[in-house]
C-alpha atoms as a PDB file:
ATOM      1  CA  MET A   1    -103.590 -19.264 -48.056  1.00  0.00           C
ATOM      2  CA  SER A   2    -106.835 -19.324 -49.917  1.00  0.00           C
ATOM      3  CA  SER A   3    -109.869 -21.751 -48.916  1.00  0.00           C
ATOM      4  CA  SER A   4    -111.708 -23.202 -51.607  1.00  0.00           C
ATOM      5  CA  LYS A   5    -113.814 -25.842 -49.931  1.00  0.00           C
ATOM      6  CA  LYS A   6    -117.196 -24.657 -51.148  1.00  0.00           C
ATOM      7  CA  ALA A   7    -118.796 -24.315 -54.841  1.00  0.00           C
ATOM      8  CA  ARG A   8    -117.912 -20.920 -56.167  1.00  0.00           C
ATOM      9  CA  THR A   9    -121.342 -18.713 -55.276  1.00  0.00           C
ATOM     10  CA  HIS A  10    -119.608 -15.566 -54.044  1.00  0.00           C
ATOM     11  CA  PRO A  11    -117.261 -12.905 -55.533  1.00  0.00           C
ATOM     12  CA  GLN A  12    -113.541 -13.303 -55.362  1.00  0.00           C
ATOM     13  CA  TYR A  13    -113.185 -11.641 -51.836  1.00  0.00           C
ATOM     14  CA  GLU A  14    -109.733  -9.914 -51.257  1.00  0.00           C
ATOM     15  CA  LEU A  15    -108.544  -9.464 -47.640  1.00  0.00           C
ATOM     16  CA  LEU A  16    -106.267  -6.541 -47.445  1.00  0.00           C
ATOM     17  CA  TYR A  17    -104.029  -6.941 -44.307  1.00  0.00           C
ATOM     18  CA  TRP A  18    -100.505  -6.453 -43.250  1.00  0.00           C
ATOM     19  CA  PRO A  19     -98.182  -9.245 -44.507  1.00  0.00           C
ATOM     20  CA  GLY A  20     -96.473 -11.433 -42.287  1.00  0.00           C
ATOM     21  CA  LYS A  21     -97.001 -14.830 -40.389  1.00  0.00           C
ATOM     22  CA  MET A  22     -99.260 -13.377 -37.490  1.00  0.00           C
ATOM     23  CA  PRO A  23    -102.952 -13.323 -37.074  1.00  0.00           C
ATOM     24  CA  GLY A  24    -103.357  -9.597 -36.085  1.00  0.00           C
ATOM     25  CA  ARG A  25    -107.152  -8.236 -36.788  1.00  0.00           C
ATOM     26  CA  GLY A  26    -107.135  -9.720 -40.337  1.00  0.00           C
ATOM     27  CA  GLU A  27    -107.630 -13.028 -38.223  1.00  0.00           C
ATOM     28  CA  PHE A  28    -111.234 -12.048 -37.193  1.00  0.00           C
ATOM     29  CA  ILE A  29    -111.873 -11.852 -40.971  1.00  0.00           C
ATOM     30  CA  ARG A  30    -110.267 -15.190 -41.968  1.00  0.00           C
ATOM     31  CA  LEU A  31    -112.153 -16.951 -39.217  1.00  0.00           C
ATOM     32  CA  VAL A  32    -115.493 -16.104 -41.030  1.00  0.00           C
ATOM     33  CA  PHE A  33    -114.283 -17.153 -44.341  1.00  0.00           C
ATOM     34  CA  GLU A  34    -112.901 -20.376 -43.184  1.00  0.00           C
ATOM     35  CA  ALA A  35    -115.925 -21.049 -40.964  1.00  0.00           C
ATOM     36  CA  ALA A  36    -118.519 -20.574 -43.765  1.00  0.00           C
ATOM     37  CA  GLY A  37    -115.932 -22.509 -46.371  1.00  0.00           C
ATOM     38  CA  VAL A  38    -116.130 -19.542 -48.743  1.00  0.00           C
ATOM     39  CA  SER A  39    -112.988 -18.711 -51.160  1.00  0.00           C
ATOM     40  CA  TYR A  40    -110.945 -15.618 -50.198  1.00  0.00           C
ATOM     41  CA  ARG A  41    -107.484 -14.155 -51.240  1.00  0.00           C
ATOM     42  CA  ASP A  42    -105.204 -13.008 -48.488  1.00  0.00           C
ATOM     43  CA  VAL A  43    -103.675 -10.725 -50.807  1.00  0.00           C
ATOM     44  CA  SER A  44    -100.512  -9.239 -49.074  1.00  0.00           C
ATOM     45  CA  ASN A  45     -99.476 -12.618 -48.217  1.00  0.00           C
ATOM     46  CA  GLU A  46     -99.951 -14.017 -51.796  1.00  0.00           C
ATOM     47  CA  GLU A  47     -98.040 -11.180 -53.680  1.00  0.00           C
ATOM     48  CA  GLU A  48     -94.663 -10.356 -53.780  1.00  0.00           C
ATOM     49  CA  ASN A  49     -95.198  -6.613 -53.247  1.00  0.00           C
ATOM     50  CA  GLY A  50     -97.523  -7.277 -50.305  1.00  0.00           C
ATOM     51  CA  MET A  51     -96.304  -4.384 -48.348  1.00  0.00           C
ATOM     52  CA  LYS A  52     -96.573  -1.902 -51.169  1.00  0.00           C
ATOM     53  CA  ILE A  53    -100.199  -2.867 -51.741  1.00  0.00           C
ATOM     54  CA  ILE A  54    -101.038  -1.760 -48.144  1.00  0.00           C
ATOM     55  CA  LEU A  55     -98.947   1.047 -47.988  1.00  0.00           C
ATOM     56  CA  ASP A  56    -100.309   2.600 -51.075  1.00  0.00           C
ATOM     57  CA  MET A  57    -103.911   1.762 -49.905  1.00  0.00           C
ATOM     58  CA  ILE A  58    -103.593   3.713 -46.497  1.00  0.00           C
ATOM     59  CA  SER A  59    -101.306   6.558 -48.106  1.00  0.00           C
ATOM     60  CA  PRO A  60    -101.802   9.862 -46.429  1.00  0.00           C
ATOM     61  CA  GLU A  61    -101.919  11.402 -49.764  1.00  0.00           C
ATOM     62  CA  SER A  62    -104.965   9.098 -50.905  1.00  0.00           C
ATOM     63  CA  THR A  63    -108.370  10.777 -51.514  1.00  0.00           C
ATOM     64  CA  GLY A  64    -109.884   7.274 -52.662  1.00  0.00           C
ATOM     65  CA  ASP A  65    -109.385   4.625 -55.333  1.00  0.00           C
ATOM     66  CA  SER A  66    -110.146   4.350 -59.014  1.00  0.00           C
ATOM     67  CA  ASP A  67    -113.457   2.469 -58.221  1.00  0.00           C
ATOM     68  CA  SER A  68    -114.625   5.623 -56.356  1.00  0.00           C
ATOM     69  CA  ASN A  69    -114.033   4.261 -52.915  1.00  0.00           C
ATOM     70  CA  PRO A  70    -113.343   6.727 -50.040  1.00  0.00           C
ATOM     71  CA  PRO A  71    -109.665   6.470 -48.528  1.00  0.00           C
ATOM     72  CA  VAL A  72    -108.918   3.529 -46.034  1.00  0.00           C
ATOM     73  CA  PHE A  73    -107.825   4.376 -42.513  1.00  0.00           C
ATOM     74  CA  ALA A  74    -106.070   1.157 -41.687  1.00  0.00           C
ATOM     75  CA  PRO A  75    -106.080  -2.523 -42.500  1.00  0.00           C
ATOM     76  CA  PRO A  76    -108.057  -4.806 -42.419  1.00  0.00           C
ATOM     77  CA  ALA A  77    -109.782  -4.043 -45.636  1.00  0.00           C
ATOM     78  CA  LEU A  78    -112.020  -6.254 -47.940  1.00  0.00           C
ATOM     79  CA  ARG A  79    -112.277  -5.476 -51.512  1.00  0.00           C
ATOM     80  CA  ILE A  80    -115.352  -7.325 -53.401  1.00  0.00           C
ATOM     81  CA  PRO A  81    -115.104  -7.134 -57.216  1.00  0.00           C
ATOM     82  CA  GLY A  82    -118.508  -5.819 -58.753  1.00  0.00           C
ATOM     83  CA  GLU A  83    -120.163  -4.933 -55.513  1.00  0.00           C
ATOM     84  CA  GLY A  84    -119.286  -1.295 -55.647  1.00  0.00           C
ATOM     85  CA  LYS A  85    -120.470   1.674 -57.482  1.00  0.00           C
ATOM     86  CA  ASP A  86    -121.455   1.160 -61.119  1.00  0.00           C
ATOM     87  CA  GLY A  87    -120.526  -2.386 -60.916  1.00  0.00           C
ATOM     88  CA  LYS A  88    -116.917  -1.530 -59.817  1.00  0.00           C
ATOM     89  CA  ALA A  89    -115.180  -3.037 -56.792  1.00  0.00           C
ATOM     90  CA  LEU A  90    -116.451  -2.259 -53.265  1.00  0.00           C
ATOM     91  CA  LEU A  91    -113.685  -1.575 -50.633  1.00  0.00           C
ATOM     92  CA  ILE A  92    -114.581  -1.235 -47.093  1.00  0.00           C
ATOM     93  CA  TYR A  93    -112.334  -0.993 -44.036  1.00  0.00           C
ATOM     94  CA  GLN A  94    -112.859  -1.492 -40.169  1.00  0.00           C
ATOM     95  CA  THR A  95    -113.067  -5.160 -38.658  1.00  0.00           C
ATOM     96  CA  PRO A  96    -116.524  -4.773 -37.450  1.00  0.00           C
ATOM     97  CA  SER A  97    -117.735  -3.241 -40.633  1.00  0.00           C
ATOM     98  CA  ILE A  98    -116.305  -6.061 -42.672  1.00  0.00           C
ATOM     99  CA  LEU A  99    -117.773  -8.744 -40.118  1.00  0.00           C
ATOM    100  CA  SER A 100    -121.254  -7.199 -40.427  1.00  0.00           C
ATOM    101  CA  TYR A 101    -120.936  -7.113 -44.150  1.00  0.00           C
ATOM    102  CA  LEU A 102    -119.735 -10.766 -44.506  1.00  0.00           C
ATOM    103  CA  GLY A 103    -122.250 -11.912 -41.891  1.00  0.00           C
ATOM    104  CA  ASP A 104    -125.252 -11.596 -43.933  1.00  0.00           C
ATOM    105  CA  ARG A 105    -123.700 -12.968 -46.920  1.00  0.00           C
ATOM    106  CA  LEU A 106    -121.922 -15.967 -45.206  1.00  0.00           C
ATOM    107  CA  GLY A 107    -124.983 -17.194 -43.093  1.00  0.00           C
ATOM    108  CA  LEU A 108    -122.950 -15.882 -39.946  1.00  0.00           C
ATOM    109  CA  ALA A 109    -125.141 -12.852 -38.870  1.00  0.00           C
ATOM    110  CA  GLY A 110    -128.302 -14.425 -37.223  1.00  0.00           C
ATOM    111  CA  GLU A 111    -131.623 -15.447 -38.283  1.00  0.00           C
ATOM    112  CA  ASP A 112    -133.692 -12.209 -37.999  1.00  0.00           C
ATOM    113  CA  GLU A 113    -133.004  -8.398 -37.367  1.00  0.00           C
ATOM    114  CA  ALA A 114    -132.890  -8.805 -33.632  1.00  0.00           C
ATOM    115  CA  GLU A 115    -130.129 -11.567 -33.629  1.00  0.00           C
ATOM    116  CA  LYS A 116    -128.251  -9.542 -36.171  1.00  0.00           C
ATOM    117  CA  ALA A 117    -128.007  -6.638 -33.745  1.00  0.00           C
ATOM    118  CA  TRP A 118    -127.237  -9.040 -30.862  1.00  0.00           C
ATOM    119  CA  VAL A 119    -124.417 -10.705 -33.113  1.00  0.00           C
ATOM    120  CA  LEU A 120    -122.874  -7.266 -33.888  1.00  0.00           C
ATOM    121  CA  SER A 121    -123.247  -6.049 -30.337  1.00  0.00           C
ATOM    122  CA  HIS A 122    -121.372  -9.027 -28.871  1.00  0.00           C
ATOM    123  CA  ALA A 123    -118.636  -9.047 -31.503  1.00  0.00           C
ATOM    124  CA  LEU A 124    -117.975  -5.245 -30.688  1.00  0.00           C
ATOM    125  CA  THR A 125    -117.450  -5.949 -27.140  1.00  0.00           C
ATOM    126  CA  ALA A 126    -115.252  -8.873 -27.794  1.00  0.00           C
ATOM    127  CA  LEU A 127    -113.156  -6.347 -29.886  1.00  0.00           C
ATOM    128  CA  ASP A 128    -113.287  -4.003 -27.206  1.00  0.00           C
ATOM    129  CA  LEU A 129    -111.630  -6.659 -25.165  1.00  0.00           C
ATOM    130  CA  ASN A 130    -109.157  -7.351 -27.940  1.00  0.00           C
ATOM    131  CA  ASN A 131    -108.004  -3.689 -28.145  1.00  0.00           C
ATOM    132  CA  GLU A 132    -107.534  -3.646 -24.167  1.00  0.00           C
ATOM    133  CA  ALA A 133    -105.320  -6.477 -24.444  1.00  0.00           C
ATOM    134  CA  HIS A 134    -103.164  -4.958 -26.823  1.00  0.00           C
ATOM    135  CA  ASP A 135    -102.777  -1.869 -24.723  1.00  0.00           C
ATOM    136  CA  THR A 136    -101.283  -3.876 -21.885  1.00  0.00           C
ATOM    137  CA  HIS A 137     -98.057  -3.899 -23.908  1.00  0.00           C
ATOM    138  CA  HIS A 138     -98.514  -0.398 -25.490  1.00  0.00           C
ATOM    139  CA  PRO A 139    -100.416   1.801 -22.823  1.00  0.00           C
ATOM    140  CA  ILE A 140     -98.355   4.929 -23.746  1.00  0.00           C
ATOM    141  CA  ALA A 141     -97.883   4.873 -27.622  1.00  0.00           C
ATOM    142  CA  VAL A 142     -98.145   2.474 -30.302  1.00  0.00           C
ATOM    143  CA  ALA A 143     -95.309   3.500 -32.188  1.00  0.00           C
ATOM    144  CA  GLU A 144     -92.853   3.269 -29.261  1.00  0.00           C
ATOM    145  CA  PHE A 145     -91.331   0.136 -28.211  1.00  0.00           C
ATOM    146  CA  TYR A 146     -92.629  -1.944 -25.454  1.00  0.00           C
ATOM    147  CA  GLU A 147     -89.334  -1.468 -23.535  1.00  0.00           C
ATOM    148  CA  ASP A 148     -89.820   2.272 -23.403  1.00  0.00           C
ATOM    149  CA  GLN A 149     -93.183   1.951 -21.524  1.00  0.00           C
ATOM    150  CA  LYS A 150     -92.511  -1.171 -19.571  1.00  0.00           C
ATOM    151  CA  GLU A 151     -93.462   0.423 -16.171  1.00  0.00           C
ATOM    152  CA  GLU A 152     -96.739   1.717 -17.525  1.00  0.00           C
ATOM    153  CA  SER A 153     -97.435  -1.640 -18.972  1.00  0.00           C
ATOM    154  CA  LEU A 154     -97.096  -3.516 -15.754  1.00  0.00           C
ATOM    155  CA  LYS A 155     -99.495  -1.240 -14.231  1.00  0.00           C
ATOM    156  CA  LYS A 156    -102.003  -1.633 -17.004  1.00  0.00           C
ATOM    157  CA  ALA A 157    -101.605  -5.284 -17.245  1.00  0.00           C
ATOM    158  CA  LYS A 158    -102.448  -5.563 -13.474  1.00  0.00           C
ATOM    159  CA  ASN A 159    -105.543  -3.742 -13.874  1.00  0.00           C
ATOM    160  CA  PHE A 160    -106.419  -5.511 -17.125  1.00  0.00           C
ATOM    161  CA  ARG A 161    -105.794  -9.063 -15.458  1.00  0.00           C
ATOM    162  CA  GLU A 162    -107.528  -8.302 -12.008  1.00  0.00           C
ATOM    163  CA  VAL A 163    -110.516  -6.105 -13.365  1.00  0.00           C
ATOM    164  CA  ARG A 164    -111.079  -6.083 -16.915  1.00  0.00           C
ATOM    165  CA  ILE A 165    -110.715  -9.809 -17.847  1.00  0.00           C
ATOM    166  CA  PRO A 166    -113.063 -10.989 -15.055  1.00  0.00           C
ATOM    167  CA  LYS A 167    -115.510  -8.374 -16.253  1.00  0.00           C
ATOM    168  CA  PHE A 168    -115.713  -9.235 -19.853  1.00  0.00           C
ATOM    169  CA  LEU A 169    -115.295 -12.997 -19.288  1.00  0.00           C
ATOM    170  CA  GLY A 170    -118.282 -12.875 -16.709  1.00  0.00           C
ATOM    171  CA  PHE A 171    -120.403 -10.879 -19.321  1.00  0.00           C
ATOM    172  CA  PHE A 172    -119.753 -13.449 -22.025  1.00  0.00           C
ATOM    173  CA  GLU A 173    -120.768 -16.174 -19.597  1.00  0.00           C
ATOM    174  CA  ARG A 174    -123.980 -14.580 -18.706  1.00  0.00           C
ATOM    175  CA  VAL A 175    -124.909 -14.220 -22.562  1.00  0.00           C
ATOM    176  CA  LEU A 176    -124.326 -17.836 -22.921  1.00  0.00           C
ATOM    177  CA  LYS A 177    -126.529 -18.966 -19.956  1.00  0.00           C
ATOM    178  CA  GLY A 178    -129.142 -16.408 -21.285  1.00  0.00           C
ATOM    179  CA  ASN A 179    -129.218 -18.164 -24.653  1.00  0.00           C
ATOM    180  CA  GLU A 180    -128.893 -21.746 -23.214  1.00  0.00           C
ATOM    181  CA  LYS A 181    -132.485 -22.646 -24.293  1.00  0.00           C
ATOM    182  CA  GLN A 182    -131.227 -22.445 -27.869  1.00  0.00           C
ATOM    183  CA  GLY A 183    -127.634 -22.347 -27.941  1.00  0.00           C
ATOM    184  CA  GLU A 184    -126.874 -24.827 -25.243  1.00  0.00           C
ATOM    185  CA  GLY A 185    -123.948 -23.108 -24.048  1.00  0.00           C
ATOM    186  CA  LYS A 186    -122.244 -23.305 -27.523  1.00  0.00           C
ATOM    187  CA  TYR A 187    -123.632 -20.302 -29.277  1.00  0.00           C
ATOM    188  CA  LEU A 188    -123.918 -16.729 -28.050  1.00  0.00           C
ATOM    189  CA  VAL A 189    -126.955 -15.992 -30.257  1.00  0.00           C
ATOM    190  CA  GLY A 190    -129.461 -18.605 -31.483  1.00  0.00           C
ATOM    191  CA  SER A 191    -128.798 -21.818 -32.301  1.00  0.00           C
ATOM    192  CA  LYS A 192    -125.939 -21.703 -34.877  1.00  0.00           C
ATOM    193  CA  LEU A 193    -122.423 -20.183 -35.321  1.00  0.00           C
ATOM    194  CA  SER A 194    -122.220 -16.684 -35.843  1.00  0.00           C
ATOM    195  CA  PHE A 195    -119.341 -14.198 -36.246  1.00  0.00           C
ATOM    196  CA  ALA A 196    -119.757 -13.075 -32.927  1.00  0.00           C
ATOM    197  CA  ASP A 197    -118.877 -16.718 -31.764  1.00  0.00           C
ATOM    198  CA  THR A 198    -115.680 -16.577 -34.025  1.00  0.00           C
ATOM    199  CA  THR A 199    -114.614 -13.321 -32.550  1.00  0.00           C
ATOM    200  CA  VAL A 200    -115.136 -14.160 -28.844  1.00  0.00           C
ATOM    201  CA  TRP A 201    -113.411 -17.399 -29.601  1.00  0.00           C
ATOM    202  CA  HIS A 202    -110.474 -15.852 -31.089  1.00  0.00           C
ATOM    203  CA  VAL A 203    -110.045 -13.643 -28.373  1.00  0.00           C
ATOM    204  CA  LEU A 204    -109.884 -16.048 -25.799  1.00  0.00           C
ATOM    205  CA  ASN A 205    -107.403 -17.818 -27.698  1.00  0.00           C
ATOM    206  CA  GLY A 206    -105.151 -14.793 -27.894  1.00  0.00           C
ATOM    207  CA  LEU A 207    -105.534 -14.191 -24.144  1.00  0.00           C
ATOM    208  CA  GLN A 208    -104.529 -17.765 -23.242  1.00  0.00           C
ATOM    209  CA  PHE A 209    -101.365 -17.078 -25.202  1.00  0.00           C
ATOM    210  CA  ALA A 210    -100.668 -14.008 -23.609  1.00  0.00           C
ATOM    211  CA  PHE A 211    -101.666 -14.402 -20.194  1.00  0.00           C
ATOM    212  CA  PRO A 212    -101.543 -18.239 -19.591  1.00  0.00           C
ATOM    213  CA  LYS A 213    -101.344 -18.251 -15.883  1.00  0.00           C
ATOM    214  CA  GLU A 214    -104.133 -15.769 -15.600  1.00  0.00           C
ATOM    215  CA  LEU A 215    -106.640 -17.370 -17.930  1.00  0.00           C
ATOM    216  CA  GLY A 216    -105.501 -20.730 -16.269  1.00  0.00           C
ATOM    217  CA  SER A 217    -106.648 -19.674 -13.020  1.00  0.00           C
ATOM    218  CA  ARG A 218    -109.985 -18.137 -14.237  1.00  0.00           C
ATOM    219  CA  LYS A 219    -111.131 -20.972 -16.306  1.00  0.00           C
ATOM    220  CA  LYS A 220    -113.135 -22.679 -13.612  1.00  0.00           C
ATOM    221  CA  GLU A 221    -114.975 -19.179 -12.960  1.00  0.00           C
ATOM    222  CA  PHE A 222    -116.532 -19.479 -16.338  1.00  0.00           C
ATOM    223  CA  PRO A 223    -117.248 -22.772 -17.024  1.00  0.00           C
ATOM    224  CA  THR A 224    -119.738 -22.567 -19.830  1.00  0.00           C
ATOM    225  CA  LEU A 225    -117.398 -20.011 -21.454  1.00  0.00           C
ATOM    226  CA  PHE A 226    -114.525 -22.259 -21.472  1.00  0.00           C
ATOM    227  CA  GLU A 227    -115.787 -25.915 -21.096  1.00  0.00           C
ATOM    228  CA  THR A 228    -118.786 -25.639 -23.542  1.00  0.00           C
ATOM    229  CA  PHE A 229    -118.424 -22.681 -25.866  1.00  0.00           C
ATOM    230  CA  TYR A 230    -114.700 -22.588 -26.472  1.00  0.00           C
ATOM    231  CA  GLN A 231    -114.464 -26.192 -27.159  1.00  0.00           C
ATOM    232  CA  SER A 232    -117.516 -26.284 -29.383  1.00  0.00           C
ATOM    233  CA  VAL A 233    -116.517 -23.495 -31.406  1.00  0.00           C
ATOM    234  CA  GLN A 234    -112.890 -24.984 -32.350  1.00  0.00           C
ATOM    235  CA  GLU A 235    -114.173 -28.269 -33.202  1.00  0.00           C
ATOM    236  CA  GLN A 236    -116.715 -27.006 -35.959  1.00  0.00           C
ATOM    237  CA  SER A 237    -115.765 -29.049 -38.697  1.00  0.00           C
ATOM    238  CA  ARG A 238    -114.376 -26.331 -41.269  1.00  0.00           C
ATOM    239  CA  LEU A 239    -112.815 -24.380 -38.160  1.00  0.00           C
ATOM    240  CA  LYS A 240    -111.064 -27.419 -36.782  1.00  0.00           C
ATOM    241  CA  GLU A 241    -109.356 -28.076 -40.164  1.00  0.00           C
ATOM    242  CA  TYR A 242    -108.325 -24.553 -40.482  1.00  0.00           C
ATOM    243  CA  LEU A 243    -106.739 -24.337 -37.091  1.00  0.00           C
ATOM    244  CA  ALA A 244    -104.828 -27.443 -37.869  1.00  0.00           C
ATOM    245  CA  SER A 245    -103.384 -26.113 -41.040  1.00  0.00           C
ATOM    246  CA  ASP A 246    -100.665 -23.685 -42.060  1.00  0.00           C
ATOM    247  CA  ARG A 247    -103.178 -20.952 -42.980  1.00  0.00           C
ATOM    248  CA  ARG A 248    -103.575 -20.406 -39.085  1.00  0.00           C
ATOM    249  CA  PHE A 249    -100.877 -18.189 -38.307  1.00  0.00           C
ATOM    250  CA  PRO A 250     -99.237 -18.422 -34.567  1.00  0.00           C
ATOM    251  CA  PHE A 251     -99.384 -15.560 -32.195  1.00  0.00           C
ATOM    252  CA  SER A 252     -96.001 -13.990 -31.834  1.00  0.00           C
ATOM    253  CA  GLN A 253     -95.451 -10.192 -31.709  1.00  0.00           C
ATOM    254  CA  GLY A 254     -98.750  -8.807 -32.890  1.00  0.00           C
ATOM    255  CA  ILE A 255    -101.916  -7.863 -30.697  1.00  0.00           C
ATOM    256  CA  TYR A 256    -101.245 -10.859 -28.418  1.00  0.00           C
ATOM    257  CA  ARG A 257     -97.618 -11.150 -26.992  1.00  0.00           C
ATOM    258  CA  TYR A 258     -96.430 -13.196 -24.256  1.00  0.00           C
ATOM    259  CA  TYR A 259     -94.439 -11.263 -21.561  1.00  0.00           C
ATOM    260  CA  PRO A 260     -94.166 -13.213 -18.413  1.00  0.00           C
ATOM    261  CA  GLU A 261     -93.934 -10.052 -16.363  1.00  0.00           C
ATOM    262  CA  LEU A 262     -97.270  -9.055 -17.384  1.00  0.00           C
ATOM    263  CA  ASP A 263     -98.866 -12.358 -16.511  1.00  0.00           C
ATOM    264  CA  ARG A 264    -100.158 -13.183 -13.266  1.00  0.00           C
ATOM    265  CA  GLN A 265     -96.955 -13.829 -10.854  1.00  0.00           C
END
């Protein structure tokens, strides 16, 4: 599961996410590690008691850990040995917080303060779209089965397909065009890959799994986004290798799920 393609110049990062062979929100973190070629441990998928590790971390009785970190609300979380208080391990959670932390350290956050702000803003926007995609199959209650909220899901998915998808995709198309002089349609910010690019790419990838007919009919509306940007990100050498490997988990029953009735009819 770990990637070790670069000389060790970083701490042994530990990704803490639900065990299992599906991407989930942990995938946004994996992608930045893989893009940078930096070693990490996918802890719950590498240890036999992976589920217990996660459940203990988010226990409702927890007031923090032995390294003086506050409680974690939900995975993903990232543990960084030696980077916390008094040289202890630092534990942070929330996908955008982890991406922001790693972005600076892995060279994926932008070249200056302005670019860093833009990268984070675009990544947050893509994560909003990610959350809305999830809500198409769980619009009422996360803990209830899809089959128990199917009627509401059909209504939610219709609005998502007809209103929200084109709104978000149109925005990212405009961002790419606005950065065309530097990014040539390949990058959202500046002239090099950032965690905004990997985040948007993964959301687009997930949407094509969950809504293949809808996305297939929309691609021609956003040529820079799909013909240039999407292809460019997945052709980055390290990402191309990762996406072809067994470290990349397939979509199934996670955030992105394929229900034919929720797609364009």
